[in-house]
Amino acid sequence: MVQVISRNEHRRQQIIEAATTIFLSKGFEQTTTRDIAKKVNISQPALYHHFGDKESLFVEVISRVGESTYTDMQSILSQTYAEPIDQLVDLTQVIVLRHPRDVFRLIHDSFDSLSATHRSKLGMIFGRDYVGPIAQFFESIQLRDNVDAQIASSFYITSLSPLFGEFHSLGEQITMRERIQQLLDLILYGVEKK
């Protein structure tokens, strides 16, 4: 059975795709509805016909990206790994590949500009789609006393920012997987020789 989508729905999807590209690369503050409308080749009033405001569109984008991220991470969590650290590397790669910018900063930096309702929605998305799967991983390994999986997950995600720029890879050409492994080693084991 062939599913036919309406012209309105097709246009809405085009807007979401354009907004996803721009919001994820530039962030909420640096993106204008004019940028998005121009990319789709429509007027700003036409964009507002589909989405009442920039905030609603941003929340829709983050919701969709979060759902995809969550789905991919759940798939990884359902697999068995010989080395648990490799599973965490794969979970991290999902986040990095979906986000050209630091996901925590992308969401957190938008908070000053958003209504309380939209901040709450983004907080729930971040907790469910990002912190939740990483916390599931941390629940499966032995953590230090007084460190719970939720705290470990939140700390871990906020520590990923070096992966979203070139600073961390100065000097040598290494793959993203190797960059993640280096960062994981520092996060999990520190820098001091024991």
N, C-alpha and C. Protein backbone atom coordinates (compact mmCIF):
# COMPACT_ATOMS: atom_id res chain seq x y z
N MET A 1 0.85 -1.18 0.00
CA MET A 1 0.00 0.00 0.00
C MET A 1 0.89 1.24 0.00
N VAL A 2 0.67 2.12 -0.94
CA VAL A 2 1.46 3.34 -1.06
C VAL A 2 0.84 4.43 -0.19
N GLN A 3 1.68 5.02 0.65
CA GLN A 3 1.19 6.09 1.51
C GLN A 3 1.43 7.42 0.82
N VAL A 4 0.39 8.19 0.69
CA VAL A 4 0.48 9.49 0.05
C VAL A 4 0.50 10.56 1.13
N ILE A 5 1.52 11.41 1.07
CA ILE A 5 1.55 12.50 2.04
C ILE A 5 1.07 13.77 1.37
N SER A 6 0.40 14.56 2.13
CA SER A 6 -0.16 15.79 1.59
C SER A 6 0.96 16.79 1.30
N ARG A 7 0.64 17.77 0.51
CA ARG A 7 1.60 18.81 0.18
C ARG A 7 2.01 19.56 1.45
N ASN A 8 1.05 19.80 2.33
CA ASN A 8 1.34 20.47 3.60
C ASN A 8 2.32 19.67 4.44
N GLU A 9 2.09 18.36 4.51
CA GLU A 9 2.98 17.49 5.29
C GLU A 9 4.36 17.44 4.66
N HIS A 10 4.41 17.41 3.35
CA HIS A 10 5.70 17.40 2.64
C HIS A 10 6.47 18.69 2.95
N ARG A 11 5.79 19.81 2.90
CA ARG A 11 6.44 21.10 3.20
C ARG A 11 6.91 21.13 4.65
N ARG A 12 6.08 20.62 5.54
CA ARG A 12 6.44 20.57 6.96
C ARG A 12 7.72 19.75 7.16
N GLN A 13 7.82 18.61 6.47
CA GLN A 13 9.02 17.78 6.56
C GLN A 13 10.25 18.51 6.01
N GLN A 14 10.07 19.24 4.93
CA GLN A 14 11.19 20.02 4.37
C GLN A 14 11.67 21.07 5.38
N ILE A 15 10.74 21.71 6.05
CA ILE A 15 11.09 22.71 7.06
C ILE A 15 11.86 22.06 8.20
N ILE A 16 11.37 20.92 8.66
CA ILE A 16 12.04 20.23 9.77
C ILE A 16 13.45 19.81 9.37
N GLU A 17 13.62 19.29 8.17
CA GLU A 17 14.95 18.88 7.70
C GLU A 17 15.90 20.07 7.62
N ALA A 18 15.43 21.17 7.07
CA ALA A 18 16.27 22.37 6.98
C ALA A 18 16.59 22.91 8.37
N ALA A 19 15.59 22.96 9.22
CA ALA A 19 15.80 23.47 10.59
C ALA A 19 16.75 22.57 11.35
N THR A 20 16.67 21.27 11.14
CA THR A 20 17.58 20.34 11.82
C THR A 20 19.01 20.64 11.44
N THR A 21 19.27 20.77 10.17
CA THR A 21 20.62 21.07 9.70
C THR A 21 21.14 22.36 10.31
N ILE A 22 20.34 23.39 10.29
CA ILE A 22 20.79 24.71 10.74
C ILE A 22 20.89 24.78 12.27
N PHE A 23 19.85 24.33 12.97
CA PHE A 23 19.89 24.38 14.44
C PHE A 23 21.05 23.56 15.00
N LEU A 24 21.28 22.37 14.45
CA LEU A 24 22.34 21.52 14.98
C LEU A 24 23.73 22.08 14.70
N SER A 25 23.87 22.82 13.63
CA SER A 25 25.19 23.37 13.33
C SER A 25 25.41 24.76 13.94
N LYS A 26 24.36 25.56 14.04
CA LYS A 26 24.52 26.94 14.53
C LYS A 26 23.98 27.18 15.93
N GLY A 27 23.08 26.33 16.39
CA GLY A 27 22.45 26.53 17.69
C GLY A 27 21.19 27.36 17.57
N PHE A 28 20.46 27.48 18.67
CA PHE A 28 19.18 28.18 18.66
C PHE A 28 19.35 29.68 18.42
N GLU A 29 20.20 30.32 19.20
CA GLU A 29 20.36 31.78 19.13
C GLU A 29 20.87 32.25 17.77
N GLN A 30 21.79 31.50 17.18
CA GLN A 30 22.41 31.92 15.93
C GLN A 30 21.59 31.56 14.69
N THR A 31 20.49 30.88 14.88
CA THR A 31 19.62 30.50 13.76
C THR A 31 18.42 31.44 13.72
N THR A 32 18.09 31.89 12.53
CA THR A 32 16.90 32.72 12.37
C THR A 32 15.86 31.95 11.54
N THR A 33 14.62 32.35 11.71
CA THR A 33 13.59 31.74 10.87
C THR A 33 13.81 32.13 9.41
N ARG A 34 14.44 33.25 9.19
CA ARG A 34 14.77 33.66 7.81
C ARG A 34 15.75 32.65 7.20
N ASP A 35 16.76 32.20 7.98
CA ASP A 35 17.71 31.19 7.50
C ASP A 35 16.98 29.92 7.06
N ILE A 36 16.07 29.49 7.90
CA ILE A 36 15.34 28.25 7.63
C ILE A 36 14.43 28.41 6.41
N ALA A 37 13.68 29.50 6.38
CA ALA A 37 12.77 29.74 5.25
C ALA A 37 13.55 29.82 3.94
N LYS A 38 14.70 30.48 3.97
CA LYS A 38 15.52 30.63 2.76
C LYS A 38 16.00 29.26 2.27
N LYS A 39 16.40 28.40 3.20
CA LYS A 39 16.89 27.06 2.82
C LYS A 39 15.79 26.23 2.16
N VAL A 40 14.55 26.45 2.59
CA VAL A 40 13.42 25.70 2.02
C VAL A 40 12.81 26.43 0.82
N ASN A 41 13.25 27.67 0.62
CA ASN A 41 12.74 28.51 -0.47
C ASN A 41 11.27 28.85 -0.28
N ILE A 42 10.94 29.27 0.96
CA ILE A 42 9.59 29.74 1.26
C ILE A 42 9.71 31.07 2.02
N SER A 43 8.59 31.72 2.21
CA SER A 43 8.58 32.97 2.97
C SER A 43 8.52 32.66 4.46
N GLN A 44 8.90 33.64 5.29
CA GLN A 44 8.79 33.45 6.74
C GLN A 44 7.33 33.24 7.16
N PRO A 45 6.36 33.99 6.60
CA PRO A 45 4.97 33.72 6.98
C PRO A 45 4.54 32.29 6.65
N ALA A 46 5.05 31.74 5.56
CA ALA A 46 4.73 30.35 5.22
C ALA A 46 5.32 29.40 6.26
N LEU A 47 6.52 29.70 6.73
CA LEU A 47 7.13 28.89 7.78
C LEU A 47 6.28 28.94 9.05
N TYR A 48 5.84 30.16 9.41
CA TYR A 48 5.02 30.33 10.61
C TYR A 48 3.65 29.67 10.48
N HIS A 49 3.20 29.44 9.25
CA HIS A 49 1.96 28.71 9.03
C HIS A 49 2.11 27.27 9.55
N HIS A 50 3.28 26.69 9.37
CA HIS A 50 3.53 25.31 9.79
C HIS A 50 3.98 25.21 11.24
N PHE A 51 4.75 26.19 11.68
CA PHE A 51 5.24 26.22 13.06
C PHE A 51 5.01 27.63 13.59
N GLY A 52 4.31 27.71 14.68
CA GLY A 52 3.91 29.01 15.22
C GLY A 52 5.06 29.93 15.58
N ASP A 53 6.19 29.34 15.97
CA ASP A 53 7.33 30.18 16.33
C ASP A 53 8.62 29.36 16.27
N LYS A 54 9.72 30.05 16.39
CA LYS A 54 11.04 29.43 16.33
C LYS A 54 11.24 28.42 17.46
N GLU A 55 10.75 28.74 18.64
CA GLU A 55 10.90 27.84 19.80
C GLU A 55 10.24 26.49 19.53
N SER A 56 9.02 26.52 19.03
CA SER A 56 8.30 25.27 18.76
C SER A 56 9.03 24.42 17.73
N LEU A 57 9.56 25.08 16.72
CA LEU A 57 10.31 24.36 15.69
C LEU A 57 11.58 23.76 16.28
N PHE A 58 12.28 24.50 17.12
CA PHE A 58 13.50 24.00 17.77
C PHE A 58 13.19 22.78 18.63
N VAL A 59 12.14 22.86 19.41
CA VAL A 59 11.77 21.73 20.27
C VAL A 59 11.40 20.51 19.41
N GLU A 60 10.71 20.73 18.32
CA GLU A 60 10.37 19.63 17.41
C GLU A 60 11.64 18.98 16.85
N VAL A 61 12.60 19.80 16.44
CA VAL A 61 13.86 19.27 15.90
C VAL A 61 14.58 18.45 16.96
N ILE A 62 14.75 19.01 18.16
CA ILE A 62 15.48 18.30 19.21
C ILE A 62 14.74 17.02 19.60
N SER A 63 13.43 17.06 19.60
CA SER A 63 12.63 15.88 19.91
C SER A 63 12.89 14.77 18.89
N ARG A 64 12.88 15.10 17.62
CA ARG A 64 13.10 14.10 16.57
C ARG A 64 14.52 13.55 16.60
N VAL A 65 15.49 14.43 16.76
CA VAL A 65 16.88 13.97 16.82
C VAL A 65 17.08 13.12 18.07
N GLY A 66 16.48 13.55 19.18
CA GLY A 66 16.58 12.78 20.41
C GLY A 66 15.98 11.39 20.27
N GLU A 67 14.83 11.29 19.62
CA GLU A 67 14.19 9.98 19.41
C GLU A 67 15.08 9.06 18.59
N SER A 68 15.69 9.60 17.54
CA SER A 68 16.59 8.80 16.70
C SER A 68 17.81 8.36 17.49
N THR A 69 18.35 9.26 18.28
CA THR A 69 19.51 8.95 19.11
C THR A 69 19.16 7.86 20.11
N TYR A 70 18.02 8.01 20.76
CA TYR A 70 17.56 7.02 21.74
C TYR A 70 17.41 5.65 21.09
N THR A 71 16.77 5.60 19.94
CA THR A 71 16.55 4.33 19.24
C THR A 71 17.88 3.66 18.91
N ASP A 72 18.82 4.43 18.39
CA ASP A 72 20.14 3.87 18.04
C ASP A 72 20.88 3.39 19.29
N MET A 73 20.78 4.15 20.38
CA MET A 73 21.48 3.74 21.60
C MET A 73 20.83 2.50 22.22
N GLN A 74 19.51 2.38 22.14
CA GLN A 74 18.84 1.18 22.65
C GLN A 74 19.28 -0.05 21.87
N SER A 75 19.48 0.10 20.58
CA SER A 75 19.97 -1.01 19.76
C SER A 75 21.35 -1.45 20.23
N ILE A 76 22.21 -0.50 20.54
CA ILE A 76 23.55 -0.82 21.04
C ILE A 76 23.46 -1.47 22.42
N LEU A 77 22.59 -0.95 23.27
CA LEU A 77 22.44 -1.52 24.62
C LEU A 77 21.91 -2.95 24.60
N SER A 78 21.21 -3.31 23.54
CA SER A 78 20.66 -4.67 23.46
C SER A 78 21.71 -5.69 23.02
N GLN A 79 22.88 -5.22 22.62
CA GLN A 79 23.95 -6.11 22.16
C GLN A 79 24.87 -6.48 23.32
N THR A 80 25.54 -7.61 23.16
CA THR A 80 26.52 -8.05 24.14
C THR A 80 27.91 -7.72 23.63
N TYR A 81 28.71 -7.13 24.49
CA TYR A 81 30.08 -6.74 24.14
C TYR A 81 31.06 -7.50 25.02
N ALA A 82 32.17 -7.92 24.44
CA ALA A 82 33.22 -8.58 25.23
C ALA A 82 33.81 -7.59 26.23
N GLU A 83 33.97 -6.35 25.80
CA GLU A 83 34.51 -5.29 26.65
C GLU A 83 33.45 -4.20 26.81
N PRO A 84 32.96 -3.96 28.00
CA PRO A 84 31.92 -2.93 28.20
C PRO A 84 32.33 -1.56 27.67
N ILE A 85 33.60 -1.22 27.75
CA ILE A 85 34.06 0.09 27.30
C ILE A 85 33.76 0.29 25.81
N ASP A 86 33.81 -0.79 25.04
CA ASP A 86 33.50 -0.69 23.61
C ASP A 86 32.03 -0.32 23.38
N GLN A 87 31.17 -0.78 24.26
CA GLN A 87 29.76 -0.41 24.17
C GLN A 87 29.59 1.08 24.44
N LEU A 88 30.30 1.59 25.44
CA LEU A 88 30.22 3.02 25.74
C LEU A 88 30.79 3.85 24.59
N VAL A 89 31.83 3.37 23.95
CA VAL A 89 32.38 4.05 22.77
C VAL A 89 31.32 4.12 21.68
N ASP A 90 30.63 3.01 21.43
CA ASP A 90 29.59 2.99 20.39
C ASP A 90 28.42 3.91 20.75
N LEU A 91 28.03 3.92 22.02
CA LEU A 91 26.95 4.83 22.46
C LEU A 91 27.37 6.28 22.23
N THR A 92 28.60 6.58 22.53
CA THR A 92 29.11 7.95 22.37
C THR A 92 29.16 8.33 20.89
N GLN A 93 29.55 7.39 20.05
CA GLN A 93 29.60 7.68 18.62
C GLN A 93 28.22 8.06 18.08
N VAL A 94 27.18 7.45 18.59
CA VAL A 94 25.82 7.81 18.16
C VAL A 94 25.58 9.30 18.43
N ILE A 95 25.92 9.74 19.63
CA ILE A 95 25.70 11.15 19.99
C ILE A 95 26.52 12.06 19.09
N VAL A 96 27.80 11.74 18.91
CA VAL A 96 28.70 12.60 18.14
C VAL A 96 28.30 12.64 16.67
N LEU A 97 27.88 11.52 16.12
CA LEU A 97 27.51 11.49 14.70
C LEU A 97 26.20 12.23 14.43
N ARG A 98 25.30 12.26 15.40
CA ARG A 98 24.02 12.95 15.23
C ARG A 98 24.15 14.46 15.45
N HIS A 99 25.18 14.86 16.18
CA HIS A 99 25.31 16.26 16.58
C HIS A 99 26.64 16.86 16.14
N PRO A 100 26.61 17.82 15.23
CA PRO A 100 27.86 18.49 14.87
C PRO A 100 28.37 19.40 15.98
N ARG A 101 27.50 19.71 16.94
CA ARG A 101 27.87 20.53 18.10
C ARG A 101 27.56 19.75 19.37
N ASP A 102 28.17 20.16 20.44
CA ASP A 102 27.96 19.53 21.74
C ASP A 102 26.48 19.56 22.10
N VAL A 103 25.85 18.39 22.25
CA VAL A 103 24.41 18.31 22.49
C VAL A 103 24.02 18.99 23.81
N PHE A 104 24.83 18.82 24.85
CA PHE A 104 24.51 19.45 26.12
C PHE A 104 24.51 20.97 25.97
N ARG A 105 25.54 21.51 25.34
CA ARG A 105 25.62 22.96 25.14
C ARG A 105 24.51 23.45 24.22
N LEU A 106 24.21 22.69 23.18
CA LEU A 106 23.15 23.07 22.24
C LEU A 106 21.84 23.28 22.99
N ILE A 107 21.49 22.34 23.85
CA ILE A 107 20.23 22.44 24.58
C ILE A 107 20.34 23.46 25.70
N HIS A 108 21.38 23.37 26.50
CA HIS A 108 21.54 24.27 27.66
C HIS A 108 21.64 25.73 27.24
N ASP A 109 22.38 26.02 26.18
CA ASP A 109 22.55 27.41 25.74
C ASP A 109 21.26 28.03 25.23
N SER A 110 20.29 27.21 24.86
CA SER A 110 19.02 27.74 24.37
C SER A 110 18.09 28.15 25.52
N PHE A 111 18.36 27.67 26.74
CA PHE A 111 17.42 27.85 27.85
C PHE A 111 17.09 29.30 28.15
N ASP A 112 18.05 30.20 28.07
CA ASP A 112 17.78 31.61 28.38
C ASP A 112 16.77 32.23 27.43
N SER A 113 16.65 31.68 26.24
CA SER A 113 15.77 32.24 25.22
C SER A 113 14.41 31.56 25.14
N LEU A 114 14.23 30.49 25.86
CA LEU A 114 13.01 29.69 25.72
C LEU A 114 12.04 29.91 26.88
N SER A 115 10.79 29.67 26.60
CA SER A 115 9.76 29.73 27.65
C SER A 115 9.97 28.58 28.63
N ALA A 116 9.39 28.70 29.80
CA ALA A 116 9.50 27.66 30.82
C ALA A 116 8.95 26.33 30.29
N THR A 117 7.88 26.39 29.53
CA THR A 117 7.28 25.17 28.96
C THR A 117 8.26 24.46 28.04
N HIS A 118 8.90 25.23 27.15
CA HIS A 118 9.84 24.63 26.20
C HIS A 118 11.11 24.17 26.91
N ARG A 119 11.57 24.88 27.93
CA ARG A 119 12.73 24.43 28.71
C ARG A 119 12.41 23.09 29.36
N SER A 120 11.22 22.98 29.90
CA SER A 120 10.81 21.74 30.53
C SER A 120 10.79 20.58 29.53
N LYS A 121 10.24 20.82 28.35
CA LYS A 121 10.19 19.79 27.31
C LYS A 121 11.60 19.36 26.91
N LEU A 122 12.49 20.33 26.72
CA LEU A 122 13.86 19.99 26.34
C LEU A 122 14.56 19.22 27.44
N GLY A 123 14.31 19.60 28.69
CA GLY A 123 14.90 18.88 29.81
C GLY A 123 14.45 17.43 29.83
N MET A 124 13.18 17.20 29.55
CA MET A 124 12.65 15.83 29.51
C MET A 124 13.26 15.04 28.35
N ILE A 125 13.39 15.69 27.19
CA ILE A 125 13.99 15.03 26.03
C ILE A 125 15.44 14.65 26.34
N PHE A 126 16.19 15.59 26.90
CA PHE A 126 17.60 15.33 27.22
C PHE A 126 17.71 14.19 28.23
N GLY A 127 16.89 14.21 29.25
CA GLY A 127 16.93 13.16 30.27
C GLY A 127 16.56 11.80 29.72
N ARG A 128 15.51 11.75 28.92
CA ARG A 128 15.02 10.47 28.39
C ARG A 128 15.91 9.92 27.28
N ASP A 129 16.28 10.77 26.32
CA ASP A 129 16.92 10.29 25.10
C ASP A 129 18.44 10.26 25.14
N TYR A 130 19.05 10.99 26.06
CA TYR A 130 20.51 11.04 26.14
C TYR A 130 21.02 10.49 27.48
N VAL A 131 20.59 11.11 28.57
CA VAL A 131 21.05 10.68 29.89
C VAL A 131 20.57 9.26 30.19
N GLY A 132 19.32 8.94 29.87
CA GLY A 132 18.74 7.64 30.17
C GLY A 132 19.52 6.46 29.61
N PRO A 133 19.80 6.43 28.31
CA PRO A 133 20.55 5.29 27.77
C PRO A 133 21.98 5.17 28.32
N ILE A 134 22.63 6.30 28.52
CA ILE A 134 23.99 6.24 29.10
C ILE A 134 23.90 5.74 30.55
N ALA A 135 22.88 6.17 31.27
CA ALA A 135 22.69 5.68 32.64
C ALA A 135 22.45 4.17 32.64
N GLN A 136 21.70 3.67 31.64
CA GLN A 136 21.50 2.22 31.52
C GLN A 136 22.84 1.51 31.41
N PHE A 137 23.74 2.09 30.61
CA PHE A 137 25.07 1.48 30.49
C PHE A 137 25.76 1.48 31.85
N PHE A 138 25.76 2.62 32.54
CA PHE A 138 26.47 2.71 33.81
C PHE A 138 25.86 1.80 34.88
N GLU A 139 24.57 1.48 34.74
CA GLU A 139 23.95 0.53 35.67
C GLU A 139 24.49 -0.88 35.47
N SER A 140 25.05 -1.14 34.30
CA SER A 140 25.53 -2.49 33.98
C SER A 140 26.98 -2.72 34.39
N ILE A 141 27.66 -1.70 34.87
CA ILE A 141 29.05 -1.87 35.29
C ILE A 141 29.20 -1.50 36.76
N GLN A 142 30.32 -1.85 37.32
CA GLN A 142 30.61 -1.57 38.72
C GLN A 142 31.05 -0.11 38.86
N LEU A 143 30.27 0.69 39.56
CA LEU A 143 30.62 2.09 39.81
C LEU A 143 31.19 2.22 41.22
N ARG A 144 31.95 3.27 41.43
CA ARG A 144 32.46 3.56 42.77
C ARG A 144 31.30 3.78 43.73
N ASP A 145 31.57 3.57 45.01
CA ASP A 145 30.56 3.87 46.03
C ASP A 145 30.18 5.34 45.93
N ASN A 146 28.95 5.65 46.22
CA ASN A 146 28.42 7.02 46.22
C ASN A 146 28.32 7.65 44.83
N VAL A 147 28.45 6.85 43.77
CA VAL A 147 28.23 7.35 42.41
C VAL A 147 27.10 6.52 41.83
N ASP A 148 26.00 7.18 41.51
CA ASP A 148 24.92 6.42 40.89
C ASP A 148 24.94 6.62 39.38
N ALA A 149 24.23 5.75 38.68
CA ALA A 149 24.27 5.74 37.22
C ALA A 149 23.77 7.04 36.61
N GLN A 150 22.78 7.66 37.21
CA GLN A 150 22.21 8.90 36.70
C GLN A 150 23.24 10.04 36.78
N ILE A 151 23.90 10.14 37.92
CA ILE A 151 24.93 11.18 38.08
C ILE A 151 26.10 10.91 37.14
N ALA A 152 26.52 9.65 37.06
CA ALA A 152 27.62 9.30 36.16
C ALA A 152 27.28 9.65 34.71
N SER A 153 26.04 9.37 34.31
CA SER A 153 25.60 9.66 32.94
C SER A 153 25.60 11.16 32.66
N SER A 154 25.03 11.93 33.57
CA SER A 154 25.00 13.39 33.38
C SER A 154 26.41 13.96 33.29
N PHE A 155 27.28 13.52 34.19
CA PHE A 155 28.67 13.98 34.16
C PHE A 155 29.33 13.59 32.84
N TYR A 156 29.13 12.36 32.44
CA TYR A 156 29.75 11.86 31.22
C TYR A 156 29.33 12.71 30.00
N ILE A 157 28.05 12.93 29.85
CA ILE A 157 27.56 13.67 28.68
C ILE A 157 28.09 15.10 28.68
N THR A 158 28.16 15.72 29.85
CA THR A 158 28.67 17.09 29.89
C THR A 158 30.18 17.14 29.68
N SER A 159 30.84 16.00 29.72
CA SER A 159 32.30 15.94 29.51
C SER A 159 32.69 15.66 28.07
N LEU A 160 31.72 15.54 27.18
CA LEU A 160 32.02 15.17 25.80
C LEU A 160 32.40 16.33 24.89
N SER A 161 32.36 17.54 25.38
CA SER A 161 32.58 18.71 24.51
C SER A 161 33.87 18.67 23.69
N PRO A 162 34.98 18.09 24.17
CA PRO A 162 36.18 18.05 23.31
C PRO A 162 35.98 17.29 22.00
N LEU A 163 34.98 16.44 21.94
CA LEU A 163 34.75 15.65 20.73
C LEU A 163 34.09 16.46 19.62
N PHE A 164 33.56 17.63 19.95
CA PHE A 164 32.80 18.41 18.97
C PHE A 164 33.61 19.52 18.33
N GLY A 165 34.89 19.52 18.54
CA GLY A 165 35.76 20.52 17.93
C GLY A 165 37.08 19.88 17.55
N GLU A 166 37.94 20.66 16.99
CA GLU A 166 39.23 20.13 16.55
C GLU A 166 40.31 20.26 17.60
N PHE A 167 40.06 21.00 18.68
CA PHE A 167 41.10 21.23 19.69
C PHE A 167 41.66 19.92 20.23
N HIS A 168 40.79 18.98 20.54
CA HIS A 168 41.21 17.72 21.16
C HIS A 168 42.11 16.90 20.24
N SER A 169 42.04 17.13 18.94
CA SER A 169 42.81 16.30 18.02
C SER A 169 44.01 17.04 17.43
N LEU A 170 44.44 18.12 18.05
CA LEU A 170 45.59 18.85 17.54
C LEU A 170 46.81 17.95 17.45
N GLY A 171 47.54 18.13 16.37
CA GLY A 171 48.81 17.44 16.26
C GLY A 171 48.76 16.13 15.50
N GLU A 172 47.86 15.27 15.82
CA GLU A 172 47.84 13.98 15.16
C GLU A 172 46.47 13.71 14.53
N GLN A 173 46.49 12.98 13.46
CA GLN A 173 45.26 12.60 12.78
C GLN A 173 44.78 11.26 13.34
N ILE A 174 43.68 11.28 14.06
CA ILE A 174 43.12 10.05 14.60
C ILE A 174 41.64 10.00 14.28
N THR A 175 41.08 8.83 14.31
CA THR A 175 39.66 8.68 14.00
C THR A 175 38.81 9.17 15.17
N MET A 176 37.54 9.37 14.90
CA MET A 176 36.63 9.77 15.97
C MET A 176 36.57 8.69 17.04
N ARG A 177 36.57 7.46 16.63
CA ARG A 177 36.55 6.36 17.62
C ARG A 177 37.77 6.46 18.54
N GLU A 178 38.93 6.73 17.99
CA GLU A 178 40.15 6.88 18.80
C GLU A 178 40.06 8.10 19.72
N ARG A 179 39.47 9.17 19.21
CA ARG A 179 39.28 10.36 20.04
C ARG A 179 38.36 10.04 21.22
N ILE A 180 37.29 9.31 20.94
CA ILE A 180 36.36 8.92 22.00
C ILE A 180 37.08 8.03 23.02
N GLN A 181 37.86 7.08 22.54
CA GLN A 181 38.59 6.19 23.44
C GLN A 181 39.55 6.97 24.34
N GLN A 182 40.26 7.95 23.76
CA GLN A 182 41.17 8.79 24.56
C GLN A 182 40.41 9.54 25.64
N LEU A 183 39.31 10.17 25.25
CA LEU A 183 38.52 10.94 26.20
C LEU A 183 37.93 10.04 27.29
N LEU A 184 37.43 8.89 26.89
CA LEU A 184 36.89 7.93 27.86
C LEU A 184 37.95 7.52 28.88
N ASP A 185 39.14 7.27 28.40
CA ASP A 185 40.23 6.88 29.29
C ASP A 185 40.48 7.96 30.33
N LEU A 186 40.49 9.22 29.89
CA LEU A 186 40.70 10.33 30.83
C LEU A 186 39.54 10.49 31.80
N ILE A 187 38.32 10.36 31.29
CA ILE A 187 37.14 10.52 32.15
C ILE A 187 37.06 9.41 33.19
N LEU A 188 37.25 8.17 32.74
CA LEU A 188 37.06 7.04 33.63
C LEU A 188 38.25 6.77 34.57
N TYR A 189 39.46 7.09 34.11
CA TYR A 189 40.64 6.72 34.88
C TYR A 189 41.50 7.89 35.33
N GLY A 190 41.18 9.10 34.87
CA GLY A 190 41.93 10.28 35.31
C GLY A 190 43.30 10.39 34.66
N VAL A 191 44.11 11.25 35.19
CA VAL A 191 45.44 11.50 34.63
C VAL A 191 46.57 11.09 35.57
N GLU A 192 46.24 10.86 36.83
CA GLU A 192 47.27 10.51 37.80
C GLU A 192 47.56 9.01 37.79
N LYS A 193 48.85 8.65 37.77
CA LYS A 193 49.25 7.26 37.83
C LYS A 193 49.05 6.74 39.25
N LYS A 194 48.36 5.65 39.36
CA LYS A 194 48.09 5.08 40.70
C LYS A 194 49.03 3.95 41.00
